[in-house]
Amino acid sequence: MLKATGFTQTGTHVSRPVTLWRQGAINILVNTDAEGFSRTSYVAHGTTVSEVALMVPDARAAYARALALLAQDHDQPARAGELDIPAIRGVGGSMIRLLDPASDLARIWEMDFRTKGPGSGAGLLGIDHLGQTMAYDEMLSWALYYTSIFGATKAPMVDVADPDGLVRSQAVQSGGLRVTLNGAEARRTLAGRFVEDTFGASVQHIAFGTADIFATAVDLASRGFPVLEIGANYYEDVEARFGLDPALVARMKAANVLYDEDAGGQFFQLYSASRSDGLFFEIVQRQSNYLGYGAPNAPFRIAAQKRNTRPSGMPRA
């Protein structure tokens, strides 16, 4: 799936079975270690985002502050030749590692990995946001986690319509970190099934940013990217709702691209089909000062995903 999304394997870890995949400013690690935290996470949740690394001004100070605010420490001893990276526990039993530009932690890729040059990629530039899913009764606690420990600001909560119930969604942002928190109340919703099937894993999707979503869509199609097909009625609706140029709508429809806009600018989205474990990718293009996450498109995306999902009650293979 990473290859189909334009990523190239550019490195291997010096002491663990971990590979580094890169594109633009994105670094993704695939960890197949038979021991340690990632293995425990895999046994519990299946293929999942077990760790997220954040660049902060001072990693040690941020770590000390997080512990003072009662964040749970995560201590996994470093092996010989590895950096000792401070870490705290995150949503769904995941881990957040803290890096900074002023210490050896900024040299993680040259110290912990043997690397080579990246490939051409598909035009993806960075991680726009993470979509984290949880039971609704945990949502306020995790919003507090981000606002207190990372000084994040909260966007207004919105209701996302799923054919099988409502999902509450709230975005939090701190610097370059954007997270959409999605609280599942009904078990039969797509979010509820993800939580149930993965035994409480958190990251349901990763959104990557691009400067030209149509060029990226063409490149991804040539690589066999498993695009999520959007129903034709969506494009009739969005053309009427925003008064869009029919030629633009035709390009969107051909590439399965969705559209939204707010007072600040425009927003384009493209989704992958979901993996069997529920994880999926999103490609986005923000224009001008668009601040949202395409919430009005969520019901159409969910409906398309549910058409490709095993029937409710059928066990996962």
C-alpha atoms as a PDB file:
ATOM      1  CA  MET A   1       0.000   0.000   0.000  1.00  0.00           C
ATOM      2  CA  LEU A   2       2.883   2.368   0.720  1.00  0.00           C
ATOM      3  CA  LYS A   3       4.385   1.667  -2.716  1.00  0.00           C
ATOM      4  CA  ALA A   4       1.027   2.333  -4.343  1.00  0.00           C
ATOM      5  CA  THR A   5       0.891   5.671  -2.488  1.00  0.00           C
ATOM      6  CA  GLY A   6       4.261   6.712  -3.916  1.00  0.00           C
ATOM      7  CA  PHE A   7       6.519   5.884  -0.970  1.00  0.00           C
ATOM      8  CA  THR A   8       9.992   4.411  -1.401  1.00  0.00           C
ATOM      9  CA  GLN A   9      11.872   2.301   1.107  1.00  0.00           C
ATOM     10  CA  THR A  10      14.912   4.459   1.800  1.00  0.00           C
ATOM     11  CA  GLY A  11      16.454   2.959   4.920  1.00  0.00           C
ATOM     12  CA  THR A  12      16.792   0.146   7.428  1.00  0.00           C
ATOM     13  CA  HIS A  13      17.290   0.396  11.186  1.00  0.00           C
ATOM     14  CA  VAL A  14      20.772  -0.293  12.536  1.00  0.00           C
ATOM     15  CA  SER A  15      19.643  -2.947  15.024  1.00  0.00           C
ATOM     16  CA  ARG A  16      15.955  -3.767  14.544  1.00  0.00           C
ATOM     17  CA  PRO A  17      13.826  -5.146  11.661  1.00  0.00           C
ATOM     18  CA  VAL A  18      12.413  -1.702  10.905  1.00  0.00           C
ATOM     19  CA  THR A  19      12.263  -0.126   7.428  1.00  0.00           C
ATOM     20  CA  LEU A  20      12.017   3.590   6.646  1.00  0.00           C
ATOM     21  CA  TRP A  21       9.659   4.726   3.872  1.00  0.00           C
ATOM     22  CA  ARG A  22       9.819   8.322   2.642  1.00  0.00           C
ATOM     23  CA  GLN A  23       8.076  10.815   0.397  1.00  0.00           C
ATOM     24  CA  GLY A  24       8.390  14.591   0.652  1.00  0.00           C
ATOM     25  CA  ALA A  25       8.756  15.401   4.362  1.00  0.00           C
ATOM     26  CA  ILE A  26       6.926  12.209   5.402  1.00  0.00           C
ATOM     27  CA  ASN A  27       8.727   9.449   7.294  1.00  0.00           C
ATOM     28  CA  ILE A  28       6.877   6.179   7.913  1.00  0.00           C
ATOM     29  CA  LEU A  29       8.420   3.252   9.780  1.00  0.00           C
ATOM     30  CA  VAL A  30       7.293  -0.340   9.246  1.00  0.00           C
ATOM     31  CA  ASN A  31       8.275  -2.335  12.324  1.00  0.00           C
ATOM     32  CA  THR A  32       8.240  -6.153  12.213  1.00  0.00           C
ATOM     33  CA  ASP A  33      10.253  -6.712  15.401  1.00  0.00           C
ATOM     34  CA  ALA A  34       9.331  -9.951  17.171  1.00  0.00           C
ATOM     35  CA  GLU A  35       9.612  -8.294  20.589  1.00  0.00           C
ATOM     36  CA  GLY A  36       9.080  -4.916  22.222  1.00  0.00           C
ATOM     37  CA  PHE A  37       6.228  -2.432  22.198  1.00  0.00           C
ATOM     38  CA  SER A  38       5.419  -2.593  18.486  1.00  0.00           C
ATOM     39  CA  ARG A  39       5.035  -6.376  18.654  1.00  0.00           C
ATOM     40  CA  THR A  40       2.728  -6.091  21.668  1.00  0.00           C
ATOM     41  CA  SER A  41       0.706  -3.457  19.822  1.00  0.00           C
ATOM     42  CA  TYR A  42       0.449  -5.676  16.744  1.00  0.00           C
ATOM     43  CA  VAL A  43      -0.721  -8.680  18.768  1.00  0.00           C
ATOM     44  CA  ALA A  44      -3.388  -6.545  20.448  1.00  0.00           C
ATOM     45  CA  HIS A  45      -4.610  -4.476  17.499  1.00  0.00           C
ATOM     46  CA  GLY A  46      -3.289  -5.947  14.250  1.00  0.00           C
ATOM     47  CA  THR A  47      -1.550  -3.653  11.763  1.00  0.00           C
ATOM     48  CA  THR A  48      -1.759  -0.255  13.404  1.00  0.00           C
ATOM     49  CA  VAL A  49      -0.047   3.080  13.999  1.00  0.00           C
ATOM     50  CA  SER A  50       1.673   2.186  17.253  1.00  0.00           C
ATOM     51  CA  GLU A  51       3.925   5.255  17.509  1.00  0.00           C
ATOM     52  CA  VAL A  52       3.871   8.891  16.409  1.00  0.00           C
ATOM     53  CA  ALA A  53       6.908  11.179  16.665  1.00  0.00           C
ATOM     54  CA  LEU A  54       6.522  14.924  17.191  1.00  0.00           C
ATOM     55  CA  MET A  55       9.186  17.614  16.741  1.00  0.00           C
ATOM     56  CA  VAL A  56       9.039  20.031  19.693  1.00  0.00           C
ATOM     57  CA  PRO A  57      11.352  22.908  20.740  1.00  0.00           C
ATOM     58  CA  ASP A  58      12.846  20.943  23.659  1.00  0.00           C
ATOM     59  CA  ALA A  59      12.053  17.230  23.902  1.00  0.00           C
ATOM     60  CA  ARG A  60      13.313  16.738  27.479  1.00  0.00           C
ATOM     61  CA  ALA A  61      11.423  19.777  28.770  1.00  0.00           C
ATOM     62  CA  ALA A  62       8.236  18.708  26.964  1.00  0.00           C
ATOM     63  CA  TYR A  63       8.620  15.195  28.383  1.00  0.00           C
ATOM     64  CA  ALA A  64       9.099  16.512  31.942  1.00  0.00           C
ATOM     65  CA  ARG A  65       6.085  18.797  31.571  1.00  0.00           C
ATOM     66  CA  ALA A  66       3.926  15.930  30.270  1.00  0.00           C
ATOM     67  CA  LEU A  67       4.849  13.763  33.269  1.00  0.00           C
ATOM     68  CA  ALA A  68       4.101  16.657  35.624  1.00  0.00           C
ATOM     69  CA  LEU A  69       0.631  16.795  34.050  1.00  0.00           C
ATOM     70  CA  LEU A  70       0.260  13.059  34.812  1.00  0.00           C
ATOM     71  CA  ALA A  71       0.875  11.718  31.328  1.00  0.00           C
ATOM     72  CA  GLN A  72       1.924   8.077  31.476  1.00  0.00           C
ATOM     73  CA  ASP A  73       5.619   7.476  30.848  1.00  0.00           C
ATOM     74  CA  HIS A  74       6.657   4.908  28.264  1.00  0.00           C
ATOM     75  CA  ASP A  75      10.058   3.428  28.990  1.00  0.00           C
ATOM     76  CA  GLN A  76      11.538   1.050  26.411  1.00  0.00           C
ATOM     77  CA  PRO A  77      15.313   0.629  26.819  1.00  0.00           C
ATOM     78  CA  ALA A  78      17.365   1.669  23.798  1.00  0.00           C
ATOM     79  CA  ARG A  79      19.730  -0.871  22.272  1.00  0.00           C
ATOM     80  CA  ALA A  80      23.415  -0.211  21.635  1.00  0.00           C
ATOM     81  CA  GLY A  81      23.890   2.537  19.033  1.00  0.00           C
ATOM     82  CA  GLU A  82      20.272   3.754  19.261  1.00  0.00           C
ATOM     83  CA  LEU A  83      19.027   7.124  20.427  1.00  0.00           C
ATOM     84  CA  ASP A  84      17.203   7.222  23.757  1.00  0.00           C
ATOM     85  CA  ILE A  85      13.999   9.018  22.693  1.00  0.00           C
ATOM     86  CA  PRO A  86      11.620  10.240  25.418  1.00  0.00           C
ATOM     87  CA  ALA A  87       8.085   8.903  25.033  1.00  0.00           C
ATOM     88  CA  ILE A  88       4.645   9.056  26.650  1.00  0.00           C
ATOM     89  CA  ARG A  89       1.552   6.921  26.173  1.00  0.00           C
ATOM     90  CA  GLY A  90      -1.076   8.169  23.742  1.00  0.00           C
ATOM     91  CA  VAL A  91      -4.581   7.353  22.549  1.00  0.00           C
ATOM     92  CA  GLY A  92      -5.538   3.684  22.342  1.00  0.00           C
ATOM     93  CA  GLY A  93      -2.376   2.516  24.105  1.00  0.00           C
ATOM     94  CA  SER A  94      -0.176   4.043  21.410  1.00  0.00           C
ATOM     95  CA  MET A  95       3.056   5.947  22.048  1.00  0.00           C
ATOM     96  CA  ILE A  96       4.115   9.535  21.317  1.00  0.00           C
ATOM     97  CA  ARG A  97       7.859  10.076  20.950  1.00  0.00           C
ATOM     98  CA  LEU A  98       9.361  13.538  21.328  1.00  0.00           C
ATOM     99  CA  LEU A  99      12.161  14.873  19.124  1.00  0.00           C
ATOM    100  CA  ASP A 100      13.755  18.327  18.944  1.00  0.00           C
ATOM    101  CA  PRO A 101      16.023  20.193  16.501  1.00  0.00           C
ATOM    102  CA  ALA A 102      18.645  21.221  19.065  1.00  0.00           C
ATOM    103  CA  SER A 103      19.960  17.843  20.268  1.00  0.00           C
ATOM    104  CA  ASP A 104      21.065  14.502  18.833  1.00  0.00           C
ATOM    105  CA  LEU A 105      17.362  13.643  18.555  1.00  0.00           C
ATOM    106  CA  ALA A 106      17.298  15.716  15.357  1.00  0.00           C
ATOM    107  CA  ARG A 107      19.772  13.225  13.854  1.00  0.00           C
ATOM    108  CA  ILE A 108      17.515  10.185  14.264  1.00  0.00           C
ATOM    109  CA  TRP A 109      17.575   9.291  10.565  1.00  0.00           C
ATOM    110  CA  GLU A 110      21.366   9.337  10.258  1.00  0.00           C
ATOM    111  CA  MET A 111      22.083   7.773  13.670  1.00  0.00           C
ATOM    112  CA  ASP A 112      19.429   5.042  13.875  1.00  0.00           C
ATOM    113  CA  PHE A 113      19.116   4.209  10.163  1.00  0.00           C
ATOM    114  CA  ARG A 114      21.191   3.321   7.146  1.00  0.00           C
ATOM    115  CA  THR A 115      19.590   5.428   4.432  1.00  0.00           C
ATOM    116  CA  LYS A 116      19.682   6.045   0.703  1.00  0.00           C
ATOM    117  CA  GLY A 117      18.059   8.699  -1.496  1.00  0.00           C
ATOM    118  CA  PRO A 118      14.254   8.835  -1.831  1.00  0.00           C
ATOM    119  CA  GLY A 119      12.327   8.017  -4.987  1.00  0.00           C
ATOM    120  CA  SER A 120      10.311  10.426  -7.121  1.00  0.00           C
ATOM    121  CA  GLY A 121       7.060  10.058  -5.135  1.00  0.00           C
ATOM    122  CA  ALA A 122       3.512  10.988  -6.122  1.00  0.00           C
ATOM    123  CA  GLY A 123       3.596  14.613  -4.998  1.00  0.00           C
ATOM    124  CA  LEU A 124       2.825  14.078  -1.314  1.00  0.00           C
ATOM    125  CA  LEU A 125       4.500  16.750   0.812  1.00  0.00           C
ATOM    126  CA  GLY A 126       3.722  16.049   4.477  1.00  0.00           C
ATOM    127  CA  ILE A 127       1.211  14.664   6.957  1.00  0.00           C
ATOM    128  CA  ASP A 128      -1.815  16.960   7.041  1.00  0.00           C
ATOM    129  CA  HIS A 129      -3.577  15.262   9.953  1.00  0.00           C
ATOM    130  CA  LEU A 130      -4.283  12.006  11.765  1.00  0.00           C
ATOM    131  CA  GLY A 131      -7.778  10.614  12.257  1.00  0.00           C
ATOM    132  CA  GLN A 132      -8.090   8.936  15.656  1.00  0.00           C
ATOM    133  CA  THR A 133     -11.177   6.923  16.574  1.00  0.00           C
ATOM    134  CA  MET A 134     -12.336   6.014  20.059  1.00  0.00           C
ATOM    135  CA  ALA A 135     -15.467   5.314  22.094  1.00  0.00           C
ATOM    136  CA  TYR A 136     -17.394   8.547  22.564  1.00  0.00           C
ATOM    137  CA  ASP A 137     -17.130   8.401  26.355  1.00  0.00           C
ATOM    138  CA  GLU A 138     -13.319   8.633  26.010  1.00  0.00           C
ATOM    139  CA  MET A 139     -13.372  11.556  23.597  1.00  0.00           C
ATOM    140  CA  LEU A 140     -13.442  14.429  26.090  1.00  0.00           C
ATOM    141  CA  SER A 141     -10.544  12.917  28.038  1.00  0.00           C
ATOM    142  CA  TRP A 142      -8.352  12.669  24.939  1.00  0.00           C
ATOM    143  CA  ALA A 143      -9.282  16.204  23.867  1.00  0.00           C
ATOM    144  CA  LEU A 144      -8.094  17.338  27.314  1.00  0.00           C
ATOM    145  CA  TYR A 145      -4.890  15.310  26.818  1.00  0.00           C
ATOM    146  CA  TYR A 146      -4.011  17.240  23.661  1.00  0.00           C
ATOM    147  CA  THR A 147      -5.057  20.654  24.940  1.00  0.00           C
ATOM    148  CA  SER A 148      -3.204  20.350  28.255  1.00  0.00           C
ATOM    149  CA  ILE A 149      -0.006  18.542  27.258  1.00  0.00           C
ATOM    150  CA  PHE A 150       0.498  20.076  23.809  1.00  0.00           C
ATOM    151  CA  GLY A 151      -1.410  23.346  24.178  1.00  0.00           C
ATOM    152  CA  ALA A 152      -3.722  22.379  21.322  1.00  0.00           C
ATOM    153  CA  THR A 153      -6.765  24.422  20.359  1.00  0.00           C
ATOM    154  CA  LYS A 154     -10.129  22.759  19.756  1.00  0.00           C
ATOM    155  CA  ALA A 155     -12.456  23.308  16.823  1.00  0.00           C
ATOM    156  CA  PRO A 156     -16.216  23.103  17.432  1.00  0.00           C
ATOM    157  CA  MET A 157     -17.573  19.572  17.699  1.00  0.00           C
ATOM    158  CA  VAL A 158     -19.544  18.351  14.689  1.00  0.00           C
ATOM    159  CA  ASP A 159     -21.886  15.407  14.140  1.00  0.00           C
ATOM    160  CA  VAL A 160     -20.966  13.098  11.259  1.00  0.00           C
ATOM    161  CA  ALA A 161     -23.856  11.097   9.854  1.00  0.00           C
ATOM    162  CA  ASP A 162     -23.226   7.386   9.375  1.00  0.00           C
ATOM    163  CA  PRO A 163     -26.085   5.243   7.976  1.00  0.00           C
ATOM    164  CA  ASP A 164     -26.008   3.334  11.292  1.00  0.00           C
ATOM    165  CA  GLY A 165     -25.766   6.271  13.694  1.00  0.00           C
ATOM    166  CA  LEU A 166     -23.948   9.481  14.561  1.00  0.00           C
ATOM    167  CA  VAL A 167     -20.218   9.900  15.141  1.00  0.00           C
ATOM    168  CA  ARG A 168     -19.020  12.961  17.074  1.00  0.00           C
ATOM    169  CA  SER A 169     -15.922  14.579  15.605  1.00  0.00           C
ATOM    170  CA  GLN A 170     -13.653  17.320  16.972  1.00  0.00           C
ATOM    171  CA  ALA A 171     -10.380  18.591  15.546  1.00  0.00           C
ATOM    172  CA  VAL A 172      -7.463  19.674  17.742  1.00  0.00           C
ATOM    173  CA  GLN A 173      -4.370  21.495  16.518  1.00  0.00           C
ATOM    174  CA  SER A 174      -1.012  22.444  18.008  1.00  0.00           C
ATOM    175  CA  GLY A 175       1.521  23.857  15.562  1.00  0.00           C
ATOM    176  CA  GLY A 176       1.883  21.343  12.738  1.00  0.00           C
ATOM    177  CA  LEU A 177       0.033  18.639  14.683  1.00  0.00           C
ATOM    178  CA  ARG A 178      -3.569  18.218  13.555  1.00  0.00           C
ATOM    179  CA  VAL A 179      -5.750  15.409  14.881  1.00  0.00           C
ATOM    180  CA  THR A 180      -9.419  14.694  14.286  1.00  0.00           C
ATOM    181  CA  LEU A 181     -10.928  12.880  17.274  1.00  0.00           C
ATOM    182  CA  ASN A 182     -13.890  10.726  16.256  1.00  0.00           C
ATOM    183  CA  GLY A 183     -16.103   9.413  19.027  1.00  0.00           C
ATOM    184  CA  ALA A 184     -18.212   6.366  18.170  1.00  0.00           C
ATOM    185  CA  GLU A 185     -21.486   5.999  20.085  1.00  0.00           C
ATOM    186  CA  ALA A 186     -23.082   3.240  17.983  1.00  0.00           C
ATOM    187  CA  ARG A 187     -21.279  -0.069  17.505  1.00  0.00           C
ATOM    188  CA  ARG A 188     -22.573  -0.511  13.944  1.00  0.00           C
ATOM    189  CA  THR A 189     -21.098   2.749  12.643  1.00  0.00           C
ATOM    190  CA  LEU A 190     -17.891   2.518  10.626  1.00  0.00           C
ATOM    191  CA  ALA A 191     -16.009   4.141  13.513  1.00  0.00           C
ATOM    192  CA  GLY A 192     -17.625   1.815  16.047  1.00  0.00           C
ATOM    193  CA  ARG A 193     -16.718  -1.257  14.030  1.00  0.00           C
ATOM    194  CA  PHE A 194     -13.119  -0.051  13.748  1.00  0.00           C
ATOM    195  CA  VAL A 195     -12.821   0.280  17.527  1.00  0.00           C
ATOM    196  CA  GLU A 196     -14.404  -3.135  18.033  1.00  0.00           C
ATOM    197  CA  ASP A 197     -12.457  -4.958  15.311  1.00  0.00           C
ATOM    198  CA  THR A 198      -9.070  -3.552  16.341  1.00  0.00           C
ATOM    199  CA  PHE A 199      -9.627  -3.848  20.105  1.00  0.00           C
ATOM    200  CA  GLY A 200      -9.367  -0.103  20.669  1.00  0.00           C
ATOM    201  CA  ALA A 201      -6.655   0.947  18.185  1.00  0.00           C
ATOM    202  CA  SER A 202      -6.676   4.699  17.631  1.00  0.00           C
ATOM    203  CA  VAL A 203      -5.409   5.891  14.226  1.00  0.00           C
ATOM    204  CA  GLN A 204      -8.026   4.961  11.644  1.00  0.00           C
ATOM    205  CA  HIS A 205      -6.571   7.073   8.858  1.00  0.00           C
ATOM    206  CA  ILE A 206      -3.563   9.171   7.879  1.00  0.00           C
ATOM    207  CA  ALA A 207      -4.089  12.249   5.691  1.00  0.00           C
ATOM    208  CA  PHE A 208      -1.229  13.363   3.435  1.00  0.00           C
ATOM    209  CA  GLY A 209      -1.004  16.828   1.868  1.00  0.00           C
ATOM    210  CA  THR A 210      -0.304  17.614  -1.787  1.00  0.00           C
ATOM    211  CA  ALA A 211      -0.053  20.832  -3.822  1.00  0.00           C
ATOM    212  CA  ASP A 212      -1.865  19.357  -6.858  1.00  0.00           C
ATOM    213  CA  ILE A 213      -4.376  16.645  -6.073  1.00  0.00           C
ATOM    214  CA  PHE A 214      -5.253  15.978  -9.716  1.00  0.00           C
ATOM    215  CA  ALA A 215      -1.626  15.357 -10.704  1.00  0.00           C
ATOM    216  CA  THR A 216      -1.230  13.190  -7.609  1.00  0.00           C
ATOM    217  CA  ALA A 217      -4.389  11.244  -8.527  1.00  0.00           C
ATOM    218  CA  VAL A 218      -2.995  10.472 -11.998  1.00  0.00           C
ATOM    219  CA  ASP A 219       0.314   9.313 -10.516  1.00  0.00           C
ATOM    220  CA  LEU A 220      -1.398   7.173  -7.882  1.00  0.00           C
ATOM    221  CA  ALA A 221      -3.615   5.533 -10.517  1.00  0.00           C
ATOM    222  CA  SER A 222      -0.491   4.505 -12.453  1.00  0.00           C
ATOM    223  CA  ARG A 223       0.851   2.826  -9.299  1.00  0.00           C
ATOM    224  CA  GLY A 224      -2.321   0.826  -8.614  1.00  0.00           C
ATOM    225  CA  PHE A 225      -3.503   2.939  -5.668  1.00  0.00           C
ATOM    226  CA  PRO A 226      -6.752   1.386  -4.315  1.00  0.00           C
ATOM    227  CA  VAL A 227      -8.897   4.505  -4.706  1.00  0.00           C
ATOM    228  CA  LEU A 228     -12.254   4.743  -2.936  1.00  0.00           C
ATOM    229  CA  GLU A 229     -14.961   5.131  -5.577  1.00  0.00           C
ATOM    230  CA  ILE A 230     -17.460   7.899  -4.777  1.00  0.00           C
ATOM    231  CA  GLY A 231     -21.098   7.655  -5.915  1.00  0.00           C
ATOM    232  CA  ALA A 232     -22.139   9.762  -8.926  1.00  0.00           C
ATOM    233  CA  ASN A 233     -24.910  11.500  -6.965  1.00  0.00           C
ATOM    234  CA  TYR A 234     -22.245  13.226  -4.833  1.00  0.00           C
ATOM    235  CA  TYR A 235     -20.987  15.205  -7.822  1.00  0.00           C
ATOM    236  CA  GLU A 236     -24.454  16.391  -8.784  1.00  0.00           C
ATOM    237  CA  ASP A 237     -24.932  17.566  -5.212  1.00  0.00           C
ATOM    238  CA  VAL A 238     -21.576  19.340  -4.855  1.00  0.00           C
ATOM    239  CA  GLU A 239     -21.918  21.118  -8.215  1.00  0.00           C
ATOM    240  CA  ALA A 240     -25.302  22.510  -7.210  1.00  0.00           C
ATOM    241  CA  ARG A 241     -24.251  23.326  -3.637  1.00  0.00           C
ATOM    242  CA  PHE A 242     -21.195  25.397  -4.544  1.00  0.00           C
ATOM    243  CA  GLY A 243     -21.990  26.445  -8.122  1.00  0.00           C
ATOM    244  CA  LEU A 244     -18.819  24.809  -9.387  1.00  0.00           C
ATOM    245  CA  ASP A 245     -17.606  24.862 -12.982  1.00  0.00           C
ATOM    246  CA  PRO A 246     -18.919  21.685 -14.667  1.00  0.00           C
ATOM    247  CA  ALA A 247     -15.449  21.060 -16.142  1.00  0.00           C
ATOM    248  CA  LEU A 248     -13.939  21.019 -12.638  1.00  0.00           C
ATOM    249  CA  VAL A 249     -16.668  18.686 -11.411  1.00  0.00           C
ATOM    250  CA  ALA A 250     -15.972  16.351 -14.336  1.00  0.00           C
ATOM    251  CA  ARG A 251     -12.279  16.208 -13.355  1.00  0.00           C
ATOM    252  CA  MET A 252     -13.235  15.535  -9.751  1.00  0.00           C
ATOM    253  CA  LYS A 253     -15.630  12.757 -10.735  1.00  0.00           C
ATOM    254  CA  ALA A 254     -13.076  11.081 -12.994  1.00  0.00           C
ATOM    255  CA  ALA A 255     -10.538  11.048 -10.146  1.00  0.00           C
ATOM    256  CA  ASN A 256     -12.989  10.357  -7.244  1.00  0.00           C
ATOM    257  CA  VAL A 257     -11.980  13.689  -5.665  1.00  0.00           C
ATOM    258  CA  LEU A 258     -14.278  15.393  -3.144  1.00  0.00           C
ATOM    259  CA  TYR A 259     -14.617  19.144  -2.525  1.00  0.00           C
ATOM    260  CA  ASP A 260     -15.424  21.557   0.267  1.00  0.00           C
ATOM    261  CA  GLU A 261     -14.903  25.250   0.940  1.00  0.00           C
ATOM    262  CA  ASP A 262     -15.189  27.719   3.783  1.00  0.00           C
ATOM    263  CA  ALA A 263     -14.664  31.460   4.201  1.00  0.00           C
ATOM    264  CA  GLY A 264     -10.884  30.965   3.995  1.00  0.00           C
ATOM    265  CA  GLY A 265     -10.488  28.809   0.906  1.00  0.00           C
ATOM    266  CA  GLN A 266     -11.067  25.507  -0.857  1.00  0.00           C
ATOM    267  CA  PHE A 267     -10.363  21.872  -0.011  1.00  0.00           C
ATOM    268  CA  PHE A 268      -9.968  18.743  -2.136  1.00  0.00           C
ATOM    269  CA  GLN A 269      -9.922  15.157  -0.819  1.00  0.00           C
ATOM    270  CA  LEU A 270      -9.124  11.730  -2.245  1.00  0.00           C
ATOM    271  CA  TYR A 271      -9.390   8.495  -0.243  1.00  0.00           C
ATOM    272  CA  SER A 272      -7.995   5.017  -0.501  1.00  0.00           C
ATOM    273  CA  ALA A 273     -10.221   2.016   0.026  1.00  0.00           C
ATOM    274  CA  SER A 274      -9.964   0.681   3.573  1.00  0.00           C
ATOM    275  CA  ARG A 275      -7.638  -2.191   4.349  1.00  0.00           C
ATOM    276  CA  SER A 276      -9.200  -5.271   5.953  1.00  0.00           C
ATOM    277  CA  ASP A 277      -8.027  -3.931   9.337  1.00  0.00           C
ATOM    278  CA  GLY A 278      -9.924  -0.658   8.790  1.00  0.00           C
ATOM    279  CA  LEU A 279      -6.904   1.603   8.190  1.00  0.00           C
ATOM    280  CA  PHE A 280      -7.084   3.925   5.176  1.00  0.00           C
ATOM    281  CA  PHE A 281      -5.227   6.868   3.613  1.00  0.00           C
ATOM    282  CA  GLU A 282      -6.510  10.291   2.634  1.00  0.00           C
ATOM    283  CA  ILE A 283      -4.898  12.768   0.214  1.00  0.00           C
ATOM    284  CA  VAL A 284      -5.810  16.440   0.674  1.00  0.00           C
ATOM    285  CA  GLN A 285      -5.097  19.771  -0.957  1.00  0.00           C
ATOM    286  CA  ARG A 286      -5.754  22.956   1.024  1.00  0.00           C
ATOM    287  CA  GLN A 287      -6.093  26.193  -0.942  1.00  0.00           C
ATOM    288  CA  SER A 288      -5.761  29.704   0.530  1.00  0.00           C
ATOM    289  CA  ASN A 289      -6.653  29.469   4.229  1.00  0.00           C
ATOM    290  CA  TYR A 290      -9.124  26.595   4.399  1.00  0.00           C
ATOM    291  CA  LEU A 291      -9.208  25.465   8.038  1.00  0.00           C
ATOM    292  CA  GLY A 292     -11.594  22.501   8.075  1.00  0.00           C
ATOM    293  CA  TYR A 293     -11.384  18.798   7.282  1.00  0.00           C
ATOM    294  CA  GLY A 294     -14.176  18.265   4.761  1.00  0.00           C
ATOM    295  CA  ALA A 295     -16.775  17.240   7.356  1.00  0.00           C
ATOM    296  CA  PRO A 296     -19.734  17.709   4.924  1.00  0.00           C
ATOM    297  CA  ASN A 297     -18.175  15.011   2.719  1.00  0.00           C
ATOM    298  CA  ALA A 298     -17.917  12.447   5.497  1.00  0.00           C
ATOM    299  CA  PRO A 299     -21.377  10.859   4.941  1.00  0.00           C
ATOM    300  CA  PHE A 300     -20.542  10.263   1.261  1.00  0.00           C
ATOM    301  CA  ARG A 301     -17.128   8.820   2.154  1.00  0.00           C
ATOM    302  CA  ILE A 302     -18.624   6.565   4.835  1.00  0.00           C
ATOM    303  CA  ALA A 303     -21.358   5.341   2.465  1.00  0.00           C
ATOM    304  CA  ALA A 304     -18.699   4.474  -0.145  1.00  0.00           C
ATOM    305  CA  GLN A 305     -16.590   2.655   2.445  1.00  0.00           C
ATOM    306  CA  LYS A 306     -19.569   0.697   3.724  1.00  0.00           C
ATOM    307  CA  ARG A 307     -20.329  -0.533   0.204  1.00  0.00           C
ATOM    308  CA  ASN A 308     -16.873  -2.164   0.259  1.00  0.00           C
ATOM    309  CA  THR A 309     -17.051  -3.468   3.835  1.00  0.00           C
ATOM    310  CA  ARG A 310     -17.985  -6.982   4.868  1.00  0.00           C
ATOM    311  CA  PRO A 311     -21.603  -7.264   6.084  1.00  0.00           C
ATOM    312  CA  SER A 312     -22.239  -6.545   9.738  1.00  0.00           C
ATOM    313  CA  GLY A 313     -21.975  -9.723  11.798  1.00  0.00           C
ATOM    314  CA  MET A 314     -19.540 -11.436   9.427  1.00  0.00           C
ATOM    315  CA  PRO A 315     -16.239 -12.106  11.245  1.00  0.00           C
ATOM    316  CA  ARG A 316     -13.032 -10.611   9.897  1.00  0.00           C
ATOM    317  CA  ALA A 317     -10.858 -13.081   7.943  1.00  0.00           C
END
